[in-house]
């Protein structure tokens, strides 16, 4: 989703497309950080003061949804790695339901908040949920 503060994600034709999961950025202490908002926000992921490489071969910290989106995509990829047969809507449901409710805010009856979406991505919970959808003989022993 956009890095612009308080912009409704629905105004962005890409981030609000039905096949796209809109991700906003959070701080290291699980707070929303001046990002886009609205009912189309689905997930929040770390994206503030992220350590990254710079153009000189060194490192620096940076902020943006450009860090949050790949974090969420990586969590989705891990879920797909354990269950490559997941359909798009199954994966979307897993990502929403496995997200951690953060921010000290009230989520609506559907578990959504306009600033936090369905919560912060949780890779371990997404993988576990994806495993639960595998046929019984394929599941790993816990």
N, C-alpha and C. Protein backbone atom coordinates (compact mmCIF):
# COMPACT_ATOMS: atom_id res chain seq x y z
N UNK A 1 0.84 -1.18 0.00
CA UNK A 1 0.00 0.00 0.00
C UNK A 1 0.89 1.24 0.00
N UNK A 2 0.33 2.35 -0.22
CA UNK A 2 1.06 3.60 -0.35
C UNK A 2 1.77 4.00 0.93
N UNK A 3 2.87 4.71 0.79
CA UNK A 3 3.57 5.28 1.93
C UNK A 3 2.94 6.60 2.37
N UNK A 4 1.99 7.08 1.61
CA UNK A 4 1.35 8.35 1.93
C UNK A 4 0.47 8.21 3.17
N UNK A 5 0.56 9.18 4.04
CA UNK A 5 -0.18 9.13 5.29
C UNK A 5 -1.67 9.38 5.07
N UNK A 6 -2.48 8.53 5.69
CA UNK A 6 -3.94 8.66 5.71
C UNK A 6 -4.61 8.67 4.34
N UNK A 7 -3.95 8.11 3.35
CA UNK A 7 -4.56 7.97 2.02
C UNK A 7 -5.33 6.66 2.02
N UNK A 8 -6.54 6.69 1.51
CA UNK A 8 -7.35 5.47 1.43
C UNK A 8 -6.78 4.54 0.37
N UNK A 9 -6.44 3.33 0.76
CA UNK A 9 -5.86 2.35 -0.15
C UNK A 9 -6.80 2.11 -1.35
N UNK A 10 -8.09 2.26 -1.15
CA UNK A 10 -9.05 2.04 -2.24
C UNK A 10 -8.80 2.98 -3.42
N UNK A 11 -8.11 4.09 -3.21
CA UNK A 11 -7.82 5.03 -4.28
C UNK A 11 -6.66 4.56 -5.16
N UNK A 12 -5.91 3.57 -4.70
CA UNK A 12 -4.79 3.03 -5.46
C UNK A 12 -5.28 1.85 -6.27
N UNK A 13 -5.26 1.97 -7.59
CA UNK A 13 -5.81 0.93 -8.46
C UNK A 13 -5.06 -0.39 -8.36
N UNK A 14 -3.80 -0.36 -8.01
CA UNK A 14 -3.02 -1.59 -7.88
C UNK A 14 -3.25 -2.22 -6.51
N UNK A 15 -3.01 -1.46 -5.45
CA UNK A 15 -3.12 -2.01 -4.10
C UNK A 15 -4.53 -2.44 -3.75
N UNK A 16 -5.53 -1.85 -4.39
CA UNK A 16 -6.91 -2.21 -4.08
C UNK A 16 -7.49 -3.24 -5.05
N UNK A 17 -6.69 -3.71 -5.99
CA UNK A 17 -7.16 -4.74 -6.93
C UNK A 17 -7.54 -6.00 -6.15
N UNK A 18 -8.63 -6.66 -6.52
CA UNK A 18 -9.08 -7.84 -5.78
C UNK A 18 -8.05 -8.97 -5.66
N UNK A 19 -7.10 -9.05 -6.58
CA UNK A 19 -6.10 -10.12 -6.52
C UNK A 19 -4.85 -9.72 -5.74
N UNK A 20 -4.83 -8.50 -5.20
CA UNK A 20 -3.66 -7.98 -4.49
C UNK A 20 -3.96 -7.90 -3.00
N UNK A 21 -2.98 -8.26 -2.18
CA UNK A 21 -3.08 -8.10 -0.73
C UNK A 21 -2.34 -6.82 -0.37
N UNK A 22 -3.08 -5.82 0.11
CA UNK A 22 -2.48 -4.54 0.48
C UNK A 22 -1.82 -4.66 1.85
N UNK A 23 -0.53 -4.31 1.91
CA UNK A 23 0.26 -4.41 3.13
C UNK A 23 0.77 -3.02 3.50
N UNK A 24 0.61 -2.64 4.76
CA UNK A 24 1.15 -1.38 5.27
C UNK A 24 2.30 -1.68 6.22
N UNK A 25 3.01 -0.63 6.62
CA UNK A 25 4.22 -0.82 7.42
C UNK A 25 3.99 -0.55 8.90
N UNK A 26 4.76 -1.28 9.73
CA UNK A 26 4.70 -1.07 11.17
C UNK A 26 6.10 -0.76 11.70
N UNK A 27 6.12 -0.23 12.90
CA UNK A 27 7.38 0.03 13.59
C UNK A 27 7.83 -1.25 14.30
N UNK A 28 9.03 -1.20 14.88
CA UNK A 28 9.54 -2.37 15.60
C UNK A 28 8.72 -2.68 16.84
N UNK A 29 7.92 -1.72 17.31
CA UNK A 29 7.08 -1.99 18.47
C UNK A 29 5.61 -2.17 18.08
N UNK A 30 5.39 -2.66 16.86
CA UNK A 30 4.06 -3.04 16.38
C UNK A 30 3.05 -1.91 16.32
N UNK A 31 3.49 -0.76 15.91
CA UNK A 31 2.58 0.36 15.71
C UNK A 31 2.55 0.73 14.24
N UNK A 32 1.38 1.09 13.78
CA UNK A 32 1.23 1.58 12.40
C UNK A 32 2.06 2.85 12.28
N UNK A 33 2.64 3.07 11.10
CA UNK A 33 3.52 4.22 10.94
C UNK A 33 3.16 5.04 9.71
N UNK A 34 2.30 6.01 9.89
CA UNK A 34 2.01 7.00 8.85
C UNK A 34 1.81 6.38 7.46
N UNK A 35 1.05 5.33 7.39
CA UNK A 35 0.85 4.65 6.12
C UNK A 35 -0.56 4.88 5.60
N UNK A 36 -0.81 4.35 4.42
CA UNK A 36 -2.15 4.38 3.87
C UNK A 36 -3.07 3.60 4.80
N UNK A 37 -4.35 3.76 4.60
CA UNK A 37 -5.29 3.11 5.49
C UNK A 37 -6.58 2.79 4.74
N UNK A 38 -7.51 2.16 5.43
CA UNK A 38 -8.83 1.91 4.86
C UNK A 38 -9.22 0.45 4.88
N UNK A 39 -10.44 0.18 4.46
CA UNK A 39 -10.96 -1.19 4.49
C UNK A 39 -10.22 -2.16 3.58
N UNK A 40 -9.46 -1.66 2.62
CA UNK A 40 -8.73 -2.55 1.70
C UNK A 40 -7.38 -2.99 2.26
N UNK A 41 -6.92 -2.37 3.38
CA UNK A 41 -5.68 -2.81 4.01
C UNK A 41 -5.91 -4.20 4.57
N UNK A 42 -5.02 -5.14 4.22
CA UNK A 42 -5.19 -6.51 4.70
C UNK A 42 -4.19 -6.91 5.77
N UNK A 43 -2.94 -6.49 5.62
CA UNK A 43 -1.91 -6.92 6.56
C UNK A 43 -0.98 -5.78 6.89
N UNK A 44 -0.28 -5.93 8.00
CA UNK A 44 0.77 -5.00 8.38
C UNK A 44 2.03 -5.82 8.63
N UNK A 45 3.18 -5.25 8.29
CA UNK A 45 4.46 -5.96 8.46
C UNK A 45 5.55 -4.93 8.76
N UNK A 46 6.66 -5.38 9.34
CA UNK A 46 7.74 -4.45 9.65
C UNK A 46 8.20 -3.69 8.42
N UNK A 47 8.34 -2.37 8.58
CA UNK A 47 8.76 -1.55 7.46
C UNK A 47 9.33 -0.21 7.88
N UNK A 48 9.70 -0.07 9.14
CA UNK A 48 10.26 1.18 9.66
C UNK A 48 11.64 0.91 10.23
N UNK A 49 12.61 1.69 9.81
CA UNK A 49 14.00 1.55 10.28
C UNK A 49 14.51 0.12 10.07
N UNK A 50 14.32 -0.39 8.87
CA UNK A 50 14.77 -1.73 8.51
C UNK A 50 16.21 -1.64 8.00
N UNK A 51 17.07 -2.49 8.53
CA UNK A 51 18.47 -2.52 8.09
C UNK A 51 18.52 -3.13 6.70
N UNK A 52 19.18 -2.44 5.79
CA UNK A 52 19.27 -2.90 4.41
C UNK A 52 20.61 -2.47 3.81
N UNK A 53 20.91 -3.00 2.66
CA UNK A 53 22.12 -2.59 1.96
C UNK A 53 21.89 -1.23 1.31
N UNK A 54 23.00 -0.53 1.06
CA UNK A 54 22.89 0.72 0.32
C UNK A 54 23.68 0.59 -0.99
N UNK A 55 23.68 1.61 -1.78
CA UNK A 55 24.33 1.56 -3.09
C UNK A 55 25.84 1.56 -3.05
N UNK A 56 26.43 1.74 -1.89
CA UNK A 56 27.90 1.81 -1.79
C UNK A 56 28.51 0.52 -1.25
N UNK A 57 27.71 -0.50 -1.05
CA UNK A 57 28.20 -1.75 -0.49
C UNK A 57 28.11 -1.80 1.02
N UNK A 58 27.56 -0.77 1.60
CA UNK A 58 27.41 -0.71 3.06
C UNK A 58 25.97 -0.99 3.46
N UNK A 59 25.64 -0.55 4.65
CA UNK A 59 24.31 -0.78 5.20
C UNK A 59 23.73 0.53 5.70
N UNK A 60 22.42 0.59 5.74
CA UNK A 60 21.72 1.73 6.29
C UNK A 60 20.33 1.28 6.71
N UNK A 61 19.65 2.10 7.48
CA UNK A 61 18.26 1.80 7.80
C UNK A 61 17.37 2.65 6.90
N UNK A 62 16.23 2.12 6.56
CA UNK A 62 15.28 2.83 5.70
C UNK A 62 13.87 2.45 6.12
N UNK A 63 12.91 3.20 5.63
CA UNK A 63 11.51 3.02 5.98
C UNK A 63 10.67 2.99 4.72
N UNK A 64 9.67 2.12 4.70
CA UNK A 64 8.73 2.12 3.58
C UNK A 64 7.98 0.81 3.46
N UNK A 65 6.90 0.87 2.71
CA UNK A 65 6.15 -0.35 2.45
C UNK A 65 6.94 -1.28 1.53
N UNK A 66 8.00 -0.76 0.93
CA UNK A 66 8.89 -1.60 0.12
C UNK A 66 9.59 -2.65 0.97
N UNK A 67 9.59 -2.49 2.27
CA UNK A 67 10.12 -3.51 3.18
C UNK A 67 9.00 -4.38 3.73
N UNK A 68 7.85 -3.79 3.98
CA UNK A 68 6.72 -4.54 4.54
C UNK A 68 6.16 -5.55 3.55
N UNK A 69 6.01 -5.15 2.30
CA UNK A 69 5.41 -6.05 1.30
C UNK A 69 6.22 -7.33 1.09
N UNK A 70 7.56 -7.26 0.94
CA UNK A 70 8.31 -8.51 0.78
C UNK A 70 8.30 -9.38 2.03
N UNK A 71 8.19 -8.76 3.19
CA UNK A 71 8.07 -9.54 4.43
C UNK A 71 6.79 -10.37 4.38
N UNK A 72 5.69 -9.74 4.02
CA UNK A 72 4.42 -10.46 3.91
C UNK A 72 4.47 -11.50 2.80
N UNK A 73 5.10 -11.16 1.68
CA UNK A 73 5.22 -12.12 0.57
C UNK A 73 6.06 -13.33 0.99
N UNK A 74 7.10 -13.09 1.78
CA UNK A 74 7.92 -14.20 2.27
C UNK A 74 7.13 -15.13 3.17
N UNK A 75 6.29 -14.57 4.02
CA UNK A 75 5.44 -15.39 4.89
C UNK A 75 4.49 -16.23 4.04
N UNK A 76 3.91 -15.62 3.02
CA UNK A 76 3.02 -16.36 2.13
C UNK A 76 3.78 -17.46 1.39
N UNK A 77 5.00 -17.16 0.97
CA UNK A 77 5.82 -18.15 0.26
C UNK A 77 6.14 -19.35 1.16
N UNK A 78 6.39 -19.10 2.44
CA UNK A 78 6.64 -20.20 3.37
C UNK A 78 5.41 -21.09 3.51
N UNK A 79 4.23 -20.47 3.57
CA UNK A 79 2.99 -21.25 3.64
C UNK A 79 2.82 -22.08 2.36
N UNK A 80 3.11 -21.49 1.23
CA UNK A 80 3.01 -22.22 -0.05
C UNK A 80 4.07 -23.33 -0.16
N UNK A 81 5.20 -23.13 0.47
CA UNK A 81 6.25 -24.15 0.41
C UNK A 81 5.81 -25.44 1.09
N UNK A 82 5.04 -25.32 2.17
CA UNK A 82 4.58 -26.53 2.85
C UNK A 82 3.29 -27.07 2.23
N UNK A 83 2.58 -26.23 1.49
CA UNK A 83 1.34 -26.66 0.86
C UNK A 83 1.18 -25.96 -0.48
N UNK A 84 1.91 -26.44 -1.49
CA UNK A 84 1.89 -25.77 -2.80
C UNK A 84 0.54 -25.85 -3.51
N UNK A 85 -0.34 -26.66 -3.02
CA UNK A 85 -1.65 -26.80 -3.65
C UNK A 85 -2.67 -25.76 -3.20
N UNK A 86 -2.26 -24.85 -2.33
CA UNK A 86 -3.20 -23.84 -1.85
C UNK A 86 -3.71 -22.96 -3.00
N UNK A 87 -4.98 -22.72 -2.98
CA UNK A 87 -5.58 -21.78 -3.93
C UNK A 87 -5.38 -20.37 -3.40
N UNK A 88 -5.50 -19.39 -4.28
CA UNK A 88 -5.28 -17.99 -3.91
C UNK A 88 -6.12 -17.58 -2.71
N UNK A 89 -7.40 -17.88 -2.72
CA UNK A 89 -8.27 -17.47 -1.62
C UNK A 89 -7.98 -18.24 -0.34
N UNK A 90 -7.50 -19.48 -0.45
CA UNK A 90 -7.10 -20.21 0.75
C UNK A 90 -5.89 -19.55 1.39
N UNK A 91 -4.92 -19.17 0.56
CA UNK A 91 -3.73 -18.50 1.07
C UNK A 91 -4.09 -17.16 1.68
N UNK A 92 -4.96 -16.41 1.03
CA UNK A 92 -5.39 -15.12 1.57
C UNK A 92 -6.05 -15.30 2.94
N UNK A 93 -6.90 -16.31 3.06
CA UNK A 93 -7.57 -16.58 4.34
C UNK A 93 -6.55 -16.96 5.40
N UNK A 94 -5.58 -17.80 5.04
CA UNK A 94 -4.53 -18.19 5.98
C UNK A 94 -3.76 -16.96 6.46
N UNK A 95 -3.38 -16.10 5.54
CA UNK A 95 -2.62 -14.92 5.91
C UNK A 95 -3.42 -14.01 6.85
N UNK A 96 -4.69 -13.86 6.57
CA UNK A 96 -5.54 -13.03 7.43
C UNK A 96 -5.73 -13.66 8.82
N UNK A 97 -6.07 -14.94 8.83
CA UNK A 97 -6.39 -15.61 10.10
C UNK A 97 -5.17 -15.88 10.96
N UNK A 98 -4.00 -15.98 10.36
CA UNK A 98 -2.79 -16.26 11.14
C UNK A 98 -2.09 -14.98 11.61
N UNK A 99 -2.57 -13.84 11.18
CA UNK A 99 -1.95 -12.57 11.56
C UNK A 99 -2.21 -12.27 13.04
N UNK A 100 -1.23 -11.64 13.67
CA UNK A 100 -1.33 -11.26 15.09
C UNK A 100 -2.04 -9.92 15.21
N UNK A 101 -2.99 -9.85 16.11
CA UNK A 101 -3.69 -8.60 16.40
C UNK A 101 -2.75 -7.73 17.23
N UNK A 102 -2.35 -6.61 16.69
CA UNK A 102 -1.38 -5.74 17.35
C UNK A 102 -1.92 -4.32 17.43
N UNK A 103 -1.15 -3.45 18.03
CA UNK A 103 -1.44 -2.03 18.01
C UNK A 103 -2.28 -1.51 19.14
N UNK A 104 -2.83 -2.41 19.97
CA UNK A 104 -3.67 -1.94 21.06
C UNK A 104 -4.93 -1.24 20.58
N UNK A 105 -5.41 -1.63 19.40
CA UNK A 105 -6.62 -1.03 18.83
C UNK A 105 -7.73 -2.06 18.81
N UNK A 106 -8.93 -1.61 18.58
CA UNK A 106 -10.08 -2.51 18.49
C UNK A 106 -10.30 -2.90 17.03
N UNK A 107 -10.30 -4.19 16.78
CA UNK A 107 -10.59 -4.72 15.45
C UNK A 107 -12.10 -4.94 15.36
N UNK A 108 -12.66 -4.82 14.15
CA UNK A 108 -14.11 -4.98 13.99
C UNK A 108 -14.52 -6.45 14.12
N UNK A 109 -15.78 -6.73 13.94
CA UNK A 109 -16.32 -8.08 14.10
C UNK A 109 -15.69 -9.08 13.14
N UNK A 110 -15.18 -8.60 12.00
CA UNK A 110 -14.51 -9.47 11.03
C UNK A 110 -13.02 -9.60 11.32
N UNK A 111 -12.54 -8.94 12.39
CA UNK A 111 -11.13 -9.00 12.73
C UNK A 111 -10.28 -8.00 11.98
N UNK A 112 -10.88 -6.94 11.45
CA UNK A 112 -10.17 -5.96 10.62
C UNK A 112 -10.11 -4.60 11.31
N UNK A 113 -9.02 -3.89 11.04
CA UNK A 113 -8.86 -2.51 11.47
C UNK A 113 -8.31 -1.73 10.28
N UNK A 114 -8.82 -0.53 10.04
CA UNK A 114 -8.42 0.23 8.85
C UNK A 114 -6.93 0.58 8.80
N UNK A 115 -6.25 0.65 9.94
CA UNK A 115 -4.81 0.95 9.95
C UNK A 115 -3.95 -0.31 10.02
N UNK A 116 -4.47 -1.38 10.58
CA UNK A 116 -3.68 -2.60 10.82
C UNK A 116 -4.15 -3.79 9.98
N UNK A 117 -5.17 -3.62 9.19
CA UNK A 117 -5.70 -4.73 8.43
C UNK A 117 -6.18 -5.82 9.36
N UNK A 118 -5.80 -7.07 9.05
CA UNK A 118 -6.16 -8.21 9.91
C UNK A 118 -5.07 -8.51 10.92
N UNK A 119 -4.00 -7.69 10.91
CA UNK A 119 -2.94 -7.84 11.87
C UNK A 119 -1.57 -8.00 11.22
N UNK A 120 -0.54 -8.18 12.09
CA UNK A 120 0.83 -8.35 11.62
C UNK A 120 1.06 -9.77 11.15
N UNK A 121 1.73 -9.90 10.03
CA UNK A 121 2.02 -11.22 9.49
C UNK A 121 2.75 -12.07 10.52
N UNK A 122 2.46 -13.37 10.50
CA UNK A 122 3.09 -14.31 11.42
C UNK A 122 3.45 -15.55 10.61
N UNK A 123 4.71 -15.66 10.24
CA UNK A 123 5.16 -16.75 9.37
C UNK A 123 4.90 -18.12 9.97
N UNK A 124 5.24 -18.31 11.24
CA UNK A 124 5.06 -19.62 11.87
C UNK A 124 3.59 -20.03 11.88
N UNK A 125 2.72 -19.10 12.21
CA UNK A 125 1.28 -19.41 12.25
C UNK A 125 0.75 -19.68 10.84
N UNK A 126 1.25 -18.96 9.84
CA UNK A 126 0.80 -19.18 8.46
C UNK A 126 1.23 -20.57 7.98
N UNK A 127 2.45 -20.96 8.30
CA UNK A 127 2.95 -22.29 7.91
C UNK A 127 2.12 -23.38 8.60
N UNK A 128 1.87 -23.21 9.88
CA UNK A 128 1.07 -24.20 10.62
C UNK A 128 -0.34 -24.31 10.03
N UNK A 129 -0.95 -23.19 9.70
CA UNK A 129 -2.29 -23.21 9.11
C UNK A 129 -2.28 -23.87 7.73
N UNK A 130 -1.24 -23.63 6.95
CA UNK A 130 -1.12 -24.26 5.63
C UNK A 130 -0.96 -25.76 5.76
N UNK A 131 -0.19 -26.20 6.75
CA UNK A 131 -0.01 -27.64 7.00
C UNK A 131 -1.33 -28.31 7.36
N UNK A 132 -2.17 -27.59 8.10
CA UNK A 132 -3.45 -28.16 8.53
C UNK A 132 -4.38 -28.42 7.35
N UNK A 133 -4.15 -27.78 6.24
CA UNK A 133 -4.98 -27.99 5.05
C UNK A 133 -4.46 -29.10 4.15
N UNK A 134 -3.31 -29.68 4.50
CA UNK A 134 -2.79 -30.81 3.74
C UNK A 134 -3.64 -32.04 4.02
N UNK A 135 -3.75 -32.95 3.06
CA UNK A 135 -4.43 -34.22 3.33
C UNK A 135 -3.72 -34.94 4.48
N UNK A 136 -4.43 -35.66 5.31
CA UNK A 136 -3.91 -36.28 6.53
C UNK A 136 -2.61 -37.04 6.35
N UNK A 137 -2.48 -37.94 5.36
CA UNK A 137 -1.24 -38.71 5.26
C UNK A 137 0.00 -37.86 4.93
N UNK A 138 -0.19 -36.64 4.44
CA UNK A 138 0.93 -35.80 4.04
C UNK A 138 1.43 -34.95 5.18
N UNK A 139 0.64 -34.72 6.20
CA UNK A 139 1.02 -33.86 7.31
C UNK A 139 2.23 -34.40 8.05
N UNK A 140 3.05 -33.47 8.52
CA UNK A 140 4.22 -33.85 9.31
C UNK A 140 3.78 -34.19 10.72
N UNK A 141 4.49 -35.10 11.33
CA UNK A 141 4.21 -35.44 12.73
C UNK A 141 4.71 -34.31 13.60
N UNK A 142 3.92 -33.91 14.59
CA UNK A 142 4.33 -32.81 15.48
C UNK A 142 5.12 -33.32 16.64
